[in-house]
Amino acid sequence: MSDDFGMRVSVLASSSTGNATYIETPQHKVLVDAGFSGKKLEQLMQSIGRDLKDVDSLFLTHEHTDHIRGAGVLARRYPQLTVYANEGTFNALPHSTGVIPPDQLQLFEMGTVKTLGDLDVESFGVSHDAAAPQFYQFYHAGKRFAILTDTGYVSDRVVGTIRDADAYVMECNHDLEMLRMGPYPWSLKQRILSDRGHLSNEDGANAVMDVIGPETKRIYLGHLSPHNNVKSLAHITMASMLQEQGLGVGHDFNIYDTDPEVADELFVV
């Protein structure tokens, strides 16, 4: 009988104010992004019955604060942690990150795959207003989990890379009308709406329609803006657009919300 419990995942928290995702296999425990204080990340991990002292790797997507706020603190507090990012991201980390010990840094260039024992990790570039933004797809025991947020559009290359994964975190940053009518200055609205900004609810649904396949069972709606979106609207938009295309929402796969403060339960991919 195999002792491989599969790949387990929890979206610890996700919004435009902070992001972190936890992934574990029998041999590895890793984080993608650390967009919270060290204390908050410890609390989020404890809420799913896990401890940061057991995490061996942190994969950074880009240098924006909502993704790296706690990266330096975690690296200094947990010396077993290896921090992965591409050179552009490392060079763009703000001074507020503090020192990451050099022996804990590991370059992970865009469009490559790293093998960590029983976990393969693939990086892929996205279109966002950061130095060299990249996201990740994780492979274990024939299963795949992909994260795609912080992109203004989804290229054919990205679609081909992450098509028919078993589970996704997909960006649904804003509702178009809420953004247009909201309090942001026009320059910020233009940035969000640009090809280097963020996916709207409709964009996220269209991206899911491009990548979903027979293996796909879970879609998590991530990186919602607290000013320009609400969970119910993102969820309804995603579900209705997929249903209009005859896709089996609630039957072939399920849609899940994420929260800016509360971790989703661990699930097996």
Protein backbone atom coordinates (compact mmCIF):
# COMPACT_ATOMS: atom_id res chain seq x y z
CA MET A 1 0.00 0.00 0.00
CA SER A 2 1.43 3.40 -1.00
CA ASP A 3 2.08 6.03 1.65
CA ASP A 4 1.73 8.78 -0.97
CA PHE A 5 -1.22 10.93 0.12
CA GLY A 6 -0.95 12.97 -3.07
CA MET A 7 -0.45 16.71 -3.42
CA ARG A 8 -2.32 18.81 -0.87
CA VAL A 9 -3.02 22.50 -1.28
CA SER A 10 -4.47 25.38 0.72
CA VAL A 11 -4.95 28.89 -0.56
CA LEU A 12 -3.90 30.52 2.70
CA ALA A 13 -5.31 33.88 1.63
CA SER A 14 -5.76 35.75 -1.62
CA SER A 15 -6.73 39.28 -2.59
CA SER A 16 -5.07 42.40 -3.94
CA THR A 17 -3.91 43.11 -0.37
CA GLY A 18 -2.04 39.83 0.24
CA ASN A 19 -1.43 36.38 -1.24
CA ALA A 20 0.04 33.07 -0.10
CA THR A 21 -0.59 29.45 -1.11
CA TYR A 22 0.64 26.29 0.64
CA ILE A 23 1.45 23.05 -1.21
CA GLU A 24 2.69 19.77 0.25
CA THR A 25 3.76 16.35 -0.97
CA PRO A 26 5.19 13.48 1.11
CA GLN A 27 8.68 14.97 0.63
CA HIS A 28 8.12 18.73 0.43
CA LYS A 29 6.20 21.59 1.99
CA VAL A 30 6.30 24.83 0.01
CA LEU A 31 4.76 28.28 -0.20
CA VAL A 32 3.98 30.39 -3.23
CA ASP A 33 4.34 34.04 -2.22
CA ALA A 34 4.36 35.53 1.26
CA GLY A 35 2.26 38.66 1.02
CA PHE A 36 1.61 39.05 4.75
CA SER A 37 3.52 39.73 7.92
CA GLY A 38 5.42 36.84 9.45
CA LYS A 39 2.91 36.71 12.31
CA LYS A 40 -0.08 36.55 9.95
CA LEU A 41 1.56 33.80 7.87
CA GLU A 42 2.21 31.78 11.03
CA GLN A 43 -1.45 32.16 12.03
CA LEU A 44 -2.69 31.13 8.58
CA MET A 45 -0.50 28.03 8.65
CA GLN A 46 -1.62 27.12 12.15
CA SER A 47 -5.24 27.40 11.04
CA ILE A 48 -4.71 24.46 8.64
CA GLY A 49 -2.67 22.47 11.13
CA ARG A 50 0.74 23.22 9.62
CA ASP A 51 3.91 24.95 10.85
CA LEU A 52 6.24 27.27 8.96
CA LYS A 53 9.27 25.54 10.48
CA ASP A 54 8.44 22.56 8.25
CA VAL A 55 8.29 24.58 5.01
CA ASP A 56 11.40 24.09 2.88
CA SER A 57 10.75 26.35 -0.14
CA LEU A 58 9.21 29.73 -0.97
CA PHE A 59 8.47 30.55 -4.62
CA LEU A 60 8.09 34.26 -5.35
CA THR A 61 6.05 35.39 -8.35
CA HIS A 62 7.04 39.08 -8.48
CA GLU A 63 8.11 41.95 -6.27
CA HIS A 64 4.80 43.64 -5.48
CA THR A 65 4.16 43.97 -1.75
CA ASP A 66 1.00 41.87 -1.70
CA HIS A 67 3.17 38.92 -2.75
CA ILE A 68 6.48 39.45 -0.91
CA ARG A 69 5.68 41.40 2.28
CA GLY A 70 6.83 38.59 4.58
CA ALA A 71 9.50 36.99 2.41
CA GLY A 72 12.51 38.52 4.11
CA VAL A 73 11.18 37.90 7.60
CA LEU A 74 10.43 34.25 6.82
CA ALA A 75 13.87 33.67 5.29
CA ARG A 76 15.64 35.16 8.31
CA ARG A 77 13.41 33.42 10.84
CA TYR A 78 13.45 30.00 9.15
CA PRO A 79 16.97 29.19 7.91
CA GLN A 80 15.82 25.91 6.31
CA LEU A 81 13.80 27.93 3.77
CA THR A 82 15.07 28.27 0.20
CA VAL A 83 13.67 31.31 -1.62
CA TYR A 84 13.16 30.85 -5.38
CA ALA A 85 12.63 33.64 -7.92
CA ASN A 86 14.07 34.81 -11.20
CA GLU A 87 16.89 37.35 -11.33
CA GLY A 88 14.63 40.21 -12.33
CA THR A 89 12.40 39.68 -9.30
CA PHE A 90 15.32 39.31 -6.89
CA ASN A 91 16.86 42.53 -8.19
CA ALA A 92 13.55 44.39 -7.88
CA LEU A 93 12.73 43.39 -4.28
CA PRO A 94 12.12 46.57 -2.27
CA HIS A 95 14.40 47.58 0.61
CA SER A 96 11.51 46.89 2.99
CA THR A 97 11.98 43.17 2.30
CA GLY A 98 15.22 43.29 4.24
CA VAL A 99 18.15 40.97 3.78
CA ILE A 100 17.52 37.46 2.51
CA PRO A 101 20.60 35.40 3.43
CA PRO A 102 22.47 34.70 0.18
CA ASP A 103 22.78 30.98 0.89
CA GLN A 104 18.96 30.77 0.95
CA LEU A 105 18.51 32.33 -2.50
CA GLN A 106 18.00 30.13 -5.54
CA LEU A 107 17.51 31.43 -9.08
CA PHE A 108 14.49 30.02 -10.90
CA GLU A 109 14.42 31.43 -14.39
CA MET A 110 11.26 31.91 -16.40
CA GLY A 111 10.09 29.04 -18.58
CA THR A 112 12.07 26.34 -16.77
CA VAL A 113 11.30 23.35 -14.55
CA LYS A 114 12.87 22.53 -11.19
CA THR A 115 12.64 19.08 -9.63
CA LEU A 116 12.55 18.91 -5.85
CA GLY A 117 12.38 15.22 -5.06
CA ASP A 118 8.76 14.20 -5.63
CA LEU A 119 7.67 17.68 -6.76
CA ASP A 120 8.25 19.23 -10.19
CA VAL A 121 7.73 22.99 -10.45
CA GLU A 122 7.32 24.80 -13.77
CA SER A 123 7.64 28.58 -14.11
CA PHE A 124 5.90 30.61 -16.81
CA GLY A 125 5.88 34.31 -17.57
CA VAL A 126 2.79 36.52 -17.37
CA SER A 127 1.94 40.07 -18.50
CA HIS A 128 2.04 42.36 -15.47
CA ASP A 129 3.67 45.66 -14.51
CA ALA A 130 6.50 44.09 -12.57
CA ALA A 131 10.15 43.45 -13.39
CA ALA A 132 9.85 39.81 -14.53
CA PRO A 133 6.57 38.34 -13.27
CA GLN A 134 6.20 34.56 -13.38
CA PHE A 135 3.79 32.06 -11.91
CA TYR A 136 4.05 28.35 -11.26
CA GLN A 137 2.54 24.97 -12.03
CA PHE A 138 3.17 22.04 -9.67
CA TYR A 139 3.34 18.37 -10.64
CA HIS A 140 3.16 15.35 -8.35
CA ALA A 141 2.09 11.76 -8.99
CA GLY A 142 0.38 12.58 -12.27
CA LYS A 143 -1.55 15.56 -10.86
CA ARG A 144 -1.12 19.26 -11.68
CA PHE A 145 -1.96 22.46 -9.81
CA ALA A 146 -1.56 25.86 -11.50
CA ILE A 147 -1.67 29.41 -10.15
CA LEU A 148 -2.44 32.29 -12.50
CA THR A 149 -3.07 35.77 -11.11
CA ASP A 150 -1.58 39.22 -11.71
CA THR A 151 -1.77 39.25 -15.48
CA GLY A 152 -3.49 41.65 -17.86
CA TYR A 153 -4.26 38.92 -20.36
CA VAL A 154 -3.65 35.20 -20.85
CA SER A 155 -1.46 34.41 -23.83
CA ASP A 156 -1.75 31.34 -26.02
CA ARG A 157 1.60 30.24 -24.58
CA VAL A 158 0.26 30.32 -21.02
CA VAL A 159 -2.92 28.54 -22.08
CA GLY A 160 -0.85 25.78 -23.65
CA THR A 161 1.32 25.49 -20.55
CA ILE A 162 -1.48 25.11 -17.98
CA ARG A 163 -4.28 23.54 -20.04
CA ASP A 164 -6.23 20.72 -18.32
CA ALA A 165 -4.63 20.98 -14.90
CA ASP A 166 -6.44 19.22 -12.05
CA ALA A 167 -6.88 22.45 -10.06
CA TYR A 168 -6.40 26.17 -10.62
CA VAL A 169 -6.20 29.42 -8.76
CA MET A 170 -7.48 31.86 -11.36
CA GLU A 171 -7.52 35.63 -11.02
CA CYS A 172 -10.87 37.40 -10.82
CA ASN A 173 -9.58 40.77 -9.69
CA HIS A 174 -12.39 43.17 -10.48
CA ASP A 175 -15.89 43.69 -11.76
CA LEU A 176 -15.68 46.08 -14.69
CA GLU A 177 -18.57 48.30 -13.61
CA MET A 178 -17.42 48.46 -9.98
CA LEU A 179 -13.96 49.48 -11.16
CA ARG A 180 -15.23 52.10 -13.61
CA MET A 181 -17.61 53.63 -11.06
CA GLY A 182 -15.28 53.24 -8.09
CA PRO A 183 -13.02 55.69 -6.23
CA TYR A 184 -9.69 54.88 -7.92
CA PRO A 185 -8.04 57.67 -9.95
CA TRP A 186 -8.32 57.23 -13.70
CA SER A 187 -4.60 56.49 -14.05
CA LEU A 188 -4.90 53.52 -11.67
CA LYS A 189 -8.04 52.29 -13.43
CA GLN A 190 -6.15 52.39 -16.74
CA ARG A 191 -3.30 50.39 -15.21
CA ILE A 192 -5.66 47.70 -13.90
CA LEU A 193 -7.50 47.48 -17.22
CA SER A 194 -4.32 47.34 -19.32
CA ASP A 195 -2.58 44.30 -20.80
CA ARG A 196 -0.13 44.56 -17.88
CA GLY A 197 -2.80 44.84 -15.20
CA HIS A 198 -5.28 42.33 -13.83
CA LEU A 199 -7.97 39.96 -15.10
CA SER A 200 -11.59 40.99 -14.57
CA ASN A 201 -14.24 38.47 -13.54
CA GLU A 202 -15.14 38.03 -17.22
CA ASP A 203 -11.49 37.71 -18.22
CA GLY A 204 -10.98 35.05 -15.54
CA ALA A 205 -13.99 33.11 -16.79
CA ASN A 206 -12.76 33.30 -20.39
CA ALA A 207 -9.34 32.08 -19.26
CA VAL A 208 -10.90 29.13 -17.47
CA MET A 209 -12.86 28.27 -20.62
CA ASP A 210 -9.57 28.25 -22.54
CA VAL A 211 -7.70 25.97 -20.11
CA ILE A 212 -10.31 23.70 -18.54
CA GLY A 213 -10.21 20.03 -19.50
CA PRO A 214 -11.52 16.64 -18.43
CA GLU A 215 -8.99 16.42 -15.57
CA THR A 216 -10.02 19.76 -14.07
CA LYS A 217 -11.94 19.36 -10.81
CA ARG A 218 -11.35 22.57 -8.80
CA ILE A 219 -11.24 26.26 -9.71
CA TYR A 220 -10.38 28.76 -6.98
CA LEU A 221 -11.18 32.43 -7.63
CA GLY A 222 -8.22 34.50 -6.48
CA HIS A 223 -6.79 37.99 -6.07
CA LEU A 224 -10.16 39.76 -5.68
CA SER A 225 -9.95 43.50 -5.11
CA PRO A 226 -11.66 44.60 -1.88
CA HIS A 227 -12.65 47.87 -3.57
CA ASN A 228 -13.72 46.65 -7.00
CA ASN A 229 -15.22 43.19 -6.47
CA VAL A 230 -17.17 40.96 -4.10
CA LYS A 231 -17.02 37.18 -3.77
CA SER A 232 -20.63 36.58 -4.77
CA LEU A 233 -20.30 38.61 -7.97
CA ALA A 234 -17.06 36.90 -9.01
CA HIS A 235 -18.56 33.49 -8.29
CA ILE A 236 -21.83 34.16 -10.14
CA THR A 237 -19.99 35.60 -13.15
CA MET A 238 -17.66 32.61 -13.37
CA ALA A 239 -20.41 30.02 -12.89
CA SER A 240 -22.88 31.62 -15.30
CA MET A 241 -20.34 32.13 -18.08
CA LEU A 242 -19.12 28.54 -17.83
CA GLN A 243 -22.68 27.19 -17.71
CA GLU A 244 -23.57 29.19 -20.81
CA GLN A 245 -20.86 27.23 -22.62
CA GLY A 246 -22.35 23.93 -21.47
CA LEU A 247 -19.61 23.22 -18.93
CA GLY A 248 -20.54 21.06 -15.96
CA VAL A 249 -20.31 23.46 -13.03
CA GLY A 250 -21.05 21.53 -9.84
CA HIS A 251 -20.85 18.22 -11.68
CA ASP A 252 -17.60 17.85 -13.59
CA PHE A 253 -15.83 20.45 -11.46
CA ASN A 254 -16.50 22.92 -8.65
CA ILE A 255 -15.81 26.61 -8.16
CA TYR A 256 -14.43 27.82 -4.82
CA ASP A 257 -13.99 31.27 -3.31
CA THR A 258 -10.82 32.44 -1.61
CA ASP A 259 -10.63 34.90 1.27
CA PRO A 260 -8.28 37.80 2.07
CA GLU A 261 -7.93 36.72 5.71
CA VAL A 262 -9.02 33.08 6.13
CA ALA A 263 -7.30 29.98 4.74
CA ASP A 264 -9.17 27.53 2.55
CA GLU A 265 -9.21 23.95 3.84
CA LEU A 266 -6.46 21.68 2.60
CA PHE A 267 -7.59 19.66 -0.41
CA VAL A 268 -6.03 16.79 -2.32
CA VAL A 269 -5.36 17.66 -5.95
